[in-house]
PDB file of N, CA and C in Angstrom:
ATOM      1  N   MET A   1      74.839  94.882  80.841  1.00  0.00           N
ATOM      2  CA  MET A   1      74.467  96.285  80.852  1.00  0.00           C
ATOM      3  C   MET A   1      73.939  96.627  82.219  1.00  0.00           C
ATOM      4  N   GLY A   2      74.268  97.729  82.825  1.00  0.00           N
ATOM      5  CA  GLY A   2      73.682  98.096  84.065  1.00  0.00           C
ATOM      6  C   GLY A   2      74.717  98.494  85.002  1.00  0.00           C
ATOM      7  N   PRO A   3      74.352  98.747  86.205  1.00  0.00           N
ATOM      8  CA  PRO A   3      73.026  98.440  86.763  1.00  0.00           C
ATOM      9  C   PRO A   3      71.907  99.449  86.295  1.00  0.00           C
ATOM     10  N   LEU A   4      70.731  98.866  86.244  1.00  0.00           N
ATOM     11  CA  LEU A   4      69.586  99.727  85.816  1.00  0.00           C
ATOM     12  C   LEU A   4      68.520  99.693  86.932  1.00  0.00           C
ATOM     13  N   PRO A   5      67.674 100.705  87.031  1.00  0.00           N
ATOM     14  CA  PRO A   5      66.656 100.681  88.013  1.00  0.00           C
ATOM     15  C   PRO A   5      65.675  99.571  87.810  1.00  0.00           C
ATOM     16  N   ALA A   6      65.233  98.891  88.854  1.00  0.00           N
ATOM     17  CA  ALA A   6      64.296  97.826  88.720  1.00  0.00           C
ATOM     18  C   ALA A   6      62.957  98.215  88.052  1.00  0.00           C
ATOM     19  N   ASP A   7      62.582  99.496  88.240  1.00  0.00           N
ATOM     20  CA  ASP A   7      61.313  99.865  87.610  1.00  0.00           C
ATOM     21  C   ASP A   7      61.383 100.163  86.180  1.00  0.00           C
ATOM     22  N   THR A   8      62.577 100.190  85.567  1.00  0.00           N
ATOM     23  CA  THR A   8      62.647 100.434  84.112  1.00  0.00           C
ATOM     24  C   THR A   8      63.227  99.205  83.335  1.00  0.00           C
ATOM     25  N   VAL A   9      64.105  98.454  83.991  1.00  0.00           N
ATOM     26  CA  VAL A   9      64.697  97.301  83.328  1.00  0.00           C
ATOM     27  C   VAL A   9      63.680  96.354  82.727  1.00  0.00           C
ATOM     28  N   PHE A  10      62.566  96.097  83.433  1.00  0.00           N
ATOM     29  CA  PHE A  10      61.601  95.158  82.935  1.00  0.00           C
ATOM     30  C   PHE A  10      60.834  95.753  81.763  1.00  0.00           C
ATOM     31  N   HIS A  11      60.698  97.014  81.710  1.00  0.00           N
ATOM     32  CA  HIS A  11      60.076  97.684  80.539  1.00  0.00           C
ATOM     33  C   HIS A  11      60.902  97.368  79.320  1.00  0.00           C
ATOM     34  N   PHE A  12      62.197  97.563  79.436  1.00  0.00           N
ATOM     35  CA  PHE A  12      63.075  97.220  78.280  1.00  0.00           C
ATOM     36  C   PHE A  12      63.113  95.777  77.943  1.00  0.00           C
ATOM     37  N   ALA A  13      63.102  94.909  78.986  1.00  0.00           N
ATOM     38  CA  ALA A  13      63.130  93.468  78.741  1.00  0.00           C
ATOM     39  C   ALA A  13      61.806  93.046  78.021  1.00  0.00           C
ATOM     40  N   ALA A  14      60.652  93.597  78.414  1.00  0.00           N
ATOM     41  CA  ALA A  14      59.439  93.222  77.805  1.00  0.00           C
ATOM     42  C   ALA A  14      59.409  93.636  76.299  1.00  0.00           C
ATOM     43  N   GLN A  15      60.190  94.672  75.913  1.00  0.00           N
ATOM     44  CA  GLN A  15      60.260  95.093  74.530  1.00  0.00           C
ATOM     45  C   GLN A  15      61.265  94.261  73.766  1.00  0.00           C
ATOM     46  N   GLY A  16      61.970  93.308  74.451  1.00  0.00           N
ATOM     47  CA  GLY A  16      62.844  92.382  73.739  1.00  0.00           C
ATOM     48  C   GLY A  16      64.274  92.886  73.799  1.00  0.00           C
ATOM     49  N   ARG A  17      64.569  93.926  74.530  1.00  0.00           N
ATOM     50  CA  ARG A  17      65.924  94.485  74.555  1.00  0.00           C
ATOM     51  C   ARG A  17      66.933  93.577  75.309  1.00  0.00           C
ATOM     52  N   PHE A  18      66.413  92.800  76.230  1.00  0.00           N
ATOM     53  CA  PHE A  18      67.253  91.902  76.968  1.00  0.00           C
ATOM     54  C   PHE A  18      66.708  90.436  76.916  1.00  0.00           C
ATOM     55  N   ALA A  19      67.542  89.454  76.888  1.00  0.00           N
ATOM     56  CA  ALA A  19      67.163  88.062  76.961  1.00  0.00           C
ATOM     57  C   ALA A  19      66.927  87.613  78.375  1.00  0.00           C
ATOM     58  N   ALA A  20      67.537  88.228  79.358  1.00  0.00           N
ATOM     59  CA  ALA A  20      67.406  87.916  80.741  1.00  0.00           C
ATOM     60  C   ALA A  20      67.588  89.093  81.643  1.00  0.00           C
ATOM     61  N   VAL A  21      67.122  89.080  82.829  1.00  0.00           N
ATOM     62  CA  VAL A  21      67.235  90.156  83.808  1.00  0.00           C
ATOM     63  C   VAL A  21      67.846  89.470  85.094  1.00  0.00           C
ATOM     64  N   LEU A  22      68.922  90.031  85.585  1.00  0.00           N
ATOM     65  CA  LEU A  22      69.477  89.611  86.863  1.00  0.00           C
ATOM     66  C   LEU A  22      69.073  90.579  87.959  1.00  0.00           C
ATOM     67  N   ALA A  23      68.351  90.119  88.863  1.00  0.00           N
ATOM     68  CA  ALA A  23      67.887  90.927  90.055  1.00  0.00           C
ATOM     69  C   ALA A  23      68.764  90.532  91.302  1.00  0.00           C
ATOM     70  N   MET A  24      69.145  91.544  92.048  1.00  0.00           N
ATOM     71  CA  MET A  24      69.907  91.240  93.240  1.00  0.00           C
ATOM     72  C   MET A  24      69.101  90.800  94.422  1.00  0.00           C
ATOM     73  N   TYR A  25      67.759  91.121  94.410  1.00  0.00           N
ATOM     74  CA  TYR A  25      66.906  90.756  95.513  1.00  0.00           C
ATOM     75  C   TYR A  25      65.578  90.166  94.929  1.00  0.00           C
ATOM     76  N   HIS A  26      65.027  89.233  95.664  1.00  0.00           N
ATOM     77  CA  HIS A  26      63.771  88.601  95.283  1.00  0.00           C
ATOM     78  C   HIS A  26      62.675  89.570  94.942  1.00  0.00           C
ATOM     79  N   ASP A  27      62.442  90.581  95.727  1.00  0.00           N
ATOM     80  CA  ASP A  27      61.365  91.561  95.529  1.00  0.00           C
ATOM     81  C   ASP A  27      61.623  92.498  94.343  1.00  0.00           C
ATOM     82  N   GLN A  28      62.828  92.676  93.958  1.00  0.00           N
ATOM     83  CA  GLN A  28      63.125  93.522  92.816  1.00  0.00           C
ATOM     84  C   GLN A  28      62.772  92.801  91.541  1.00  0.00           C
ATOM     85  N   GLY A  29      63.012  91.530  91.477  1.00  0.00           N
ATOM     86  CA  GLY A  29      62.791  90.813  90.199  1.00  0.00           C
ATOM     87  C   GLY A  29      61.530  90.051  90.085  1.00  0.00           C
ATOM     88  N   LEU A  30      61.121  89.368  91.119  1.00  0.00           N
ATOM     89  CA  LEU A  30      59.930  88.480  90.901  1.00  0.00           C
ATOM     90  C   LEU A  30      58.603  89.200  90.738  1.00  0.00           C
ATOM     91  N   GLY A  31      58.463  90.386  91.414  1.00  0.00           N
ATOM     92  CA  GLY A  31      57.219  91.141  91.242  1.00  0.00           C
ATOM     93  C   GLY A  31      56.942  91.522  89.764  1.00  0.00           C
ATOM     94  N   PRO A  32      57.907  92.203  89.110  1.00  0.00           N
ATOM     95  CA  PRO A  32      57.690  92.630  87.760  1.00  0.00           C
ATOM     96  C   PRO A  32      57.626  91.425  86.807  1.00  0.00           C
ATOM     97  N   LEU A  33      58.412  90.441  87.089  1.00  0.00           N
ATOM     98  CA  LEU A  33      58.462  89.203  86.265  1.00  0.00           C
ATOM     99  C   LEU A  33      57.063  88.497  86.231  1.00  0.00           C
ATOM    100  N   LYS A  34      56.525  88.396  87.398  1.00  0.00           N
ATOM    101  CA  LYS A  34      55.207  87.757  87.644  1.00  0.00           C
ATOM    102  C   LYS A  34      54.041  88.629  86.933  1.00  0.00           C
ATOM    103  N   LEU A  35      54.226  89.909  86.938  1.00  0.00           N
ATOM    104  CA  LEU A  35      53.304  90.808  86.296  1.00  0.00           C
ATOM    105  C   LEU A  35      53.260  90.534  84.824  1.00  0.00           C
ATOM    106  N   LEU A  36      54.410  90.345  84.190  1.00  0.00           N
ATOM    107  CA  LEU A  36      54.532  90.165  82.778  1.00  0.00           C
ATOM    108  C   LEU A  36      54.270  88.702  82.343  1.00  0.00           C
ATOM    109  N   HIS A  37      54.672  87.714  83.159  1.00  0.00           N
ATOM    110  CA  HIS A  37      54.781  86.342  82.677  1.00  0.00           C
ATOM    111  C   HIS A  37      54.265  85.325  83.787  1.00  0.00           C
ATOM    112  N   PHE A  38      53.243  85.697  84.517  1.00  0.00           N
ATOM    113  CA  PHE A  38      52.754  84.835  85.606  1.00  0.00           C
ATOM    114  C   PHE A  38      52.395  83.451  85.086  1.00  0.00           C
ATOM    115  N   GLY A  39      52.912  82.403  85.726  1.00  0.00           N
ATOM    116  CA  GLY A  39      52.675  80.994  85.252  1.00  0.00           C
ATOM    117  C   GLY A  39      53.527  80.479  84.093  1.00  0.00           C
ATOM    118  N   GLN A  40      54.509  81.309  83.669  1.00  0.00           N
ATOM    119  CA  GLN A  40      55.458  80.893  82.614  1.00  0.00           C
ATOM    120  C   GLN A  40      56.842  81.132  83.019  1.00  0.00           C
ATOM    121  N   ALA A  41      57.097  81.958  84.007  1.00  0.00           N
ATOM    122  CA  ALA A  41      58.489  82.305  84.349  1.00  0.00           C
ATOM    123  C   ALA A  41      59.102  81.314  85.327  1.00  0.00           C
ATOM    124  N   VAL A  42      60.440  81.291  85.369  1.00  0.00           N
ATOM    125  CA  VAL A  42      61.188  80.467  86.276  1.00  0.00           C
ATOM    126  C   VAL A  42      62.085  81.335  87.113  1.00  0.00           C
ATOM    127  N   ASN A  43      62.159  81.027  88.415  1.00  0.00           N
ATOM    128  CA  ASN A  43      63.094  81.609  89.314  1.00  0.00           C
ATOM    129  C   ASN A  43      64.307  80.648  89.409  1.00  0.00           C
ATOM    130  N   THR A  44      65.509  81.185  89.276  1.00  0.00           N
ATOM    131  CA  THR A  44      66.716  80.333  89.398  1.00  0.00           C
ATOM    132  C   THR A  44      67.717  81.086  90.194  1.00  0.00           C
ATOM    133  N   THR A  45      68.552  80.365  90.940  1.00  0.00           N
ATOM    134  CA  THR A  45      69.555  80.985  91.748  1.00  0.00           C
ATOM    135  C   THR A  45      70.935  80.681  91.146  1.00  0.00           C
ATOM    136  N   LEU A  46      71.700  81.676  90.887  1.00  0.00           N
ATOM    137  CA  LEU A  46      73.041  81.458  90.276  1.00  0.00           C
ATOM    138  C   LEU A  46      74.085  81.389  91.371  1.00  0.00           C
ATOM    139  N   GLY A  47      75.229  80.752  91.113  1.00  0.00           N
ATOM    140  CA  GLY A  47      76.311  80.756  92.121  1.00  0.00           C
ATOM    141  C   GLY A  47      76.323  79.640  93.064  1.00  0.00           C
ATOM    142  N   LEU A  48      75.363  78.702  92.962  1.00  0.00           N
ATOM    143  CA  LEU A  48      75.375  77.566  93.896  1.00  0.00           C
ATOM    144  C   LEU A  48      76.155  76.399  93.298  1.00  0.00           C
ATOM    145  N   ALA A  49      76.495  75.447  94.042  1.00  0.00           N
ATOM    146  CA  ALA A  49      77.207  74.299  93.575  1.00  0.00           C
ATOM    147  C   ALA A  49      76.373  73.336  92.821  1.00  0.00           C
ATOM    148  N   PHE A  50      74.992  73.572  92.783  1.00  0.00           N
ATOM    149  CA  PHE A  50      74.049  72.652  92.106  1.00  0.00           C
ATOM    150  C   PHE A  50      72.962  73.619  91.456  1.00  0.00           C
ATOM    151  N   PRO A  51      72.373  73.059  90.379  1.00  0.00           N
ATOM    152  CA  PRO A  51      71.323  73.938  89.746  1.00  0.00           C
ATOM    153  C   PRO A  51      70.051  73.990  90.641  1.00  0.00           C
ATOM    154  N   ARG A  52      69.449  75.147  90.743  1.00  0.00           N
ATOM    155  CA  ARG A  52      68.280  75.345  91.545  1.00  0.00           C
ATOM    156  C   ARG A  52      67.334  76.222  90.768  1.00  0.00           C
ATOM    157  N   THR A  53      66.098  75.639  90.503  1.00  0.00           N
ATOM    158  CA  THR A  53      65.060  76.387  89.817  1.00  0.00           C
ATOM    159  C   THR A  53      63.773  76.239  90.635  1.00  0.00           C
ATOM    160  N   SER A  54      62.813  77.116  90.489  1.00  0.00           N
ATOM    161  CA  SER A  54      61.559  77.031  91.131  1.00  0.00           C
ATOM    162  C   SER A  54      60.504  77.671  90.272  1.00  0.00           C
ATOM    163  N   PRO A  55      59.182  77.303  90.388  1.00  0.00           N
ATOM    164  CA  PRO A  55      58.131  77.983  89.695  1.00  0.00           C
ATOM    165  C   PRO A  55      58.014  79.442  90.096  1.00  0.00           C
ATOM    166  N   ASP A  56      57.383  80.283  89.371  1.00  0.00           N
ATOM    167  CA  ASP A  56      57.310  81.693  89.668  1.00  0.00           C
ATOM    168  C   ASP A  56      56.211  82.026  90.701  1.00  0.00           C
ATOM    169  N   HIS A  57      55.514  81.001  91.143  1.00  0.00           N
ATOM    170  CA  HIS A  57      54.372  81.259  92.064  1.00  0.00           C
ATOM    171  C   HIS A  57      54.662  80.638  93.385  1.00  0.00           C
ATOM    172  N   GLY A  58      53.772  80.920  94.309  1.00  0.00           N
ATOM    173  CA  GLY A  58      53.891  80.349  95.693  1.00  0.00           C
ATOM    174  C   GLY A  58      53.361  78.908  95.744  1.00  0.00           C
ATOM    175  N   THR A  59      53.064  78.506  96.946  1.00  0.00           N
ATOM    176  CA  THR A  59      52.613  77.164  97.161  1.00  0.00           C
ATOM    177  C   THR A  59      51.185  76.829  96.635  1.00  0.00           C
ATOM    178  N   GLY A  60      50.365  77.838  96.573  1.00  0.00           N
ATOM    179  CA  GLY A  60      48.983  77.640  96.015  1.00  0.00           C
ATOM    180  C   GLY A  60      48.089  76.847  96.946  1.00  0.00           C
ATOM    181  N   TYR A  61      48.256  77.004  98.300  1.00  0.00           N
ATOM    182  CA  TYR A  61      47.447  76.222  99.180  1.00  0.00           C
ATOM    183  C   TYR A  61      45.971  76.489  98.993  1.00  0.00           C
ATOM    184  N   ASP A  62      45.611  77.663  98.487  1.00  0.00           N
ATOM    185  CA  ASP A  62      44.140  77.981  98.261  1.00  0.00           C
ATOM    186  C   ASP A  62      43.594  77.230  97.116  1.00  0.00           C
ATOM    187  N   LEU A  63      44.438  76.556  96.364  1.00  0.00           N
ATOM    188  CA  LEU A  63      43.936  75.772  95.167  1.00  0.00           C
ATOM    189  C   LEU A  63      43.926  74.233  95.473  1.00  0.00           C
ATOM    190  N   VAL A  64      44.384  73.789  96.583  1.00  0.00           N
ATOM    191  CA  VAL A  64      44.506  72.395  96.948  1.00  0.00           C
ATOM    192  C   VAL A  64      43.127  71.798  96.937  1.00  0.00           C
ATOM    193  N   GLY A  65      42.943  70.732  96.168  1.00  0.00           N
ATOM    194  CA  GLY A  65      41.686  70.022  96.096  1.00  0.00           C
ATOM    195  C   GLY A  65      40.624  70.590  95.279  1.00  0.00           C
ATOM    196  N   THR A  66      40.938  71.705  94.578  1.00  0.00           N
ATOM    197  CA  THR A  66      39.910  72.381  93.690  1.00  0.00           C
ATOM    198  C   THR A  66      39.943  71.966  92.271  1.00  0.00           C
ATOM    199  N   GLY A  67      41.068  71.384  91.857  1.00  0.00           N
ATOM    200  CA  GLY A  67      41.256  70.959  90.448  1.00  0.00           C
ATOM    201  C   GLY A  67      41.558  72.191  89.598  1.00  0.00           C
ATOM    202  N   GLN A  68      41.963  73.308  90.072  1.00  0.00           N
ATOM    203  CA  GLN A  68      42.213  74.530  89.391  1.00  0.00           C
ATOM    204  C   GLN A  68      43.702  74.805  89.194  1.00  0.00           C
ATOM    205  N   ALA A  69      44.560  74.087  89.866  1.00  0.00           N
ATOM    206  CA  ALA A  69      45.944  74.380  89.853  1.00  0.00           C
ATOM    207  C   ALA A  69      46.467  74.105  88.402  1.00  0.00           C
ATOM    208  N   ARG A  70      47.423  74.930  88.037  1.00  0.00           N
ATOM    209  CA  ARG A  70      48.095  74.746  86.691  1.00  0.00           C
ATOM    210  C   ARG A  70      49.536  74.371  86.891  1.00  0.00           C
ATOM    211  N   LEU A  71      50.050  73.577  85.990  1.00  0.00           N
ATOM    212  CA  LEU A  71      51.487  73.141  86.083  1.00  0.00           C
ATOM    213  C   LEU A  71      52.445  73.825  85.177  1.00  0.00           C
ATOM    214  N   ASP A  72      52.025  74.865  84.517  1.00  0.00           N
ATOM    215  CA  ASP A  72      52.856  75.511  83.426  1.00  0.00           C
ATOM    216  C   ASP A  72      54.180  75.968  84.030  1.00  0.00           C
ATOM    217  N   SER A  73      54.169  76.723  85.087  1.00  0.00           N
ATOM    218  CA  SER A  73      55.412  77.265  85.659  1.00  0.00           C
ATOM    219  C   SER A  73      56.331  76.154  86.251  1.00  0.00           C
ATOM    220  N   PHE A  74      55.683  75.120  86.824  1.00  0.00           N
ATOM    221  CA  PHE A  74      56.479  73.955  87.321  1.00  0.00           C
ATOM    222  C   PHE A  74      57.135  73.316  86.130  1.00  0.00           C
ATOM    223  N   ALA A  75      56.397  73.091  85.040  1.00  0.00           N
ATOM    224  CA  ALA A  75      56.952  72.483  83.862  1.00  0.00           C
ATOM    225  C   ALA A  75      58.098  73.275  83.247  1.00  0.00           C
ATOM    226  N   ALA A  76      57.981  74.599  83.305  1.00  0.00           N
ATOM    227  CA  ALA A  76      59.019  75.465  82.791  1.00  0.00           C
ATOM    228  C   ALA A  76      60.269  75.389  83.633  1.00  0.00           C
ATOM    229  N   ALA A  77      60.016  75.357  84.992  1.00  0.00           N
ATOM    230  CA  ALA A  77      61.192  75.251  85.935  1.00  0.00           C
ATOM    231  C   ALA A  77      61.887  73.919  85.798  1.00  0.00           C
ATOM    232  N   TYR A  78      61.164  72.874  85.612  1.00  0.00           N
ATOM    233  CA  TYR A  78      61.728  71.532  85.417  1.00  0.00           C
ATOM    234  C   TYR A  78      62.459  71.464  84.061  1.00  0.00           C
ATOM    235  N   GLY A  79      61.917  72.117  82.987  1.00  0.00           N
ATOM    236  CA  GLY A  79      62.568  72.143  81.757  1.00  0.00           C
ATOM    237  C   GLY A  79      63.975  72.839  81.782  1.00  0.00           C
ATOM    238  N   LEU A  80      63.942  73.990  82.499  1.00  0.00           N
ATOM    239  CA  LEU A  80      65.218  74.692  82.698  1.00  0.00           C
ATOM    240  C   LEU A  80      66.254  73.927  83.469  1.00  0.00           C
ATOM    241  N   LEU A  81      65.701  73.230  84.493  1.00  0.00           N
ATOM    242  CA  LEU A  81      66.569  72.396  85.349  1.00  0.00           C
ATOM    243  C   LEU A  81      67.230  71.318  84.540  1.00  0.00           C
ATOM    244  N   THR A  82      66.466  70.676  83.649  1.00  0.00           N
ATOM    245  CA  THR A  82      67.078  69.581  82.851  1.00  0.00           C
ATOM    246  C   THR A  82      68.128  70.143  81.856  1.00  0.00           C
ATOM    247  N   GLN A  83      67.886  71.397  81.369  1.00  0.00           N
ATOM    248  CA  GLN A  83      68.904  71.988  80.550  1.00  0.00           C
ATOM    249  C   GLN A  83      70.190  72.312  81.285  1.00  0.00           C
ATOM    250  N   LEU A  84      70.064  72.825  82.515  1.00  0.00           N
ATOM    251  CA  LEU A  84      71.213  73.186  83.364  1.00  0.00           C
ATOM    252  C   LEU A  84      72.032  71.938  83.746  1.00  0.00           C
ATOM    253  N   VAL A  85      71.330  70.881  83.994  1.00  0.00           N
ATOM    254  CA  VAL A  85      71.973  69.626  84.463  1.00  0.00           C
ATOM    255  C   VAL A  85      72.752  69.072  83.218  1.00  0.00           C
TER     256      VAL A  85
END
């Protein structure tokens, strides 16, 4: 279905209308996704010759050595990667 505006598609997705949202650009998709599911979401790139996933967050340099880092999004990215492989 679509194309739909980025500012409304995530509203419908949060209500369960869509199982997935395909965004054409990083800033269209990751901002709303992180707002709804920070620490649980996975970023994946389609169309490559190999599976590519990554956590929904940045590097977290501000958390290095603090013991506050969480691995939830990394675990989700790894889990999706194993399914794709």
